[in-house]
């Protein structure tokens, strides 16, 4: 055990250490022996790569974190279905994609349109919303002013 620790500190991984194992060997160790260290190495190996992929796919950092965690929880739950000799990476990405799709389905129920975005219409085409007036005298005065301006414009040559 001390030899492994020393080799790790020197930046070398021994043949029996999880860091030296292939993804397939790590998943088999976790499936067959419950080797948590092997699972942790697998998570670390894919942490940046898979998170970056999910971040681009989902367009949201928090969603990518959630889906990343859900993917590895699902991997833990389905590890018994892993067939020895099959590549881990495509299976892991398949789980991640399905989790991302499920996230989109769940998120759609809670989707609200942004009030700051103009959808299908330019800013110039938007009809301004008039501020509500509470004073009837102000409303009457504004109406009179508008009427007088329109009459003056109509009299122009």
Foldseek 3Di string as FASTA:
>chain_A
DVVQVVCVVVVHHDCPALLNDDLLVLLCCCQPPVPVNSLVNNCVVCVVVQLVVLCVVLVDNVVSVVLSVVLSVVCNVCSNVDDRPDDPVVVSVVSSVVSSVVVVVVVVVVDDDDPPDDPPDDPVPDDDDDDDDDDVVVVVVVVVVVVVVVVVVVPDD
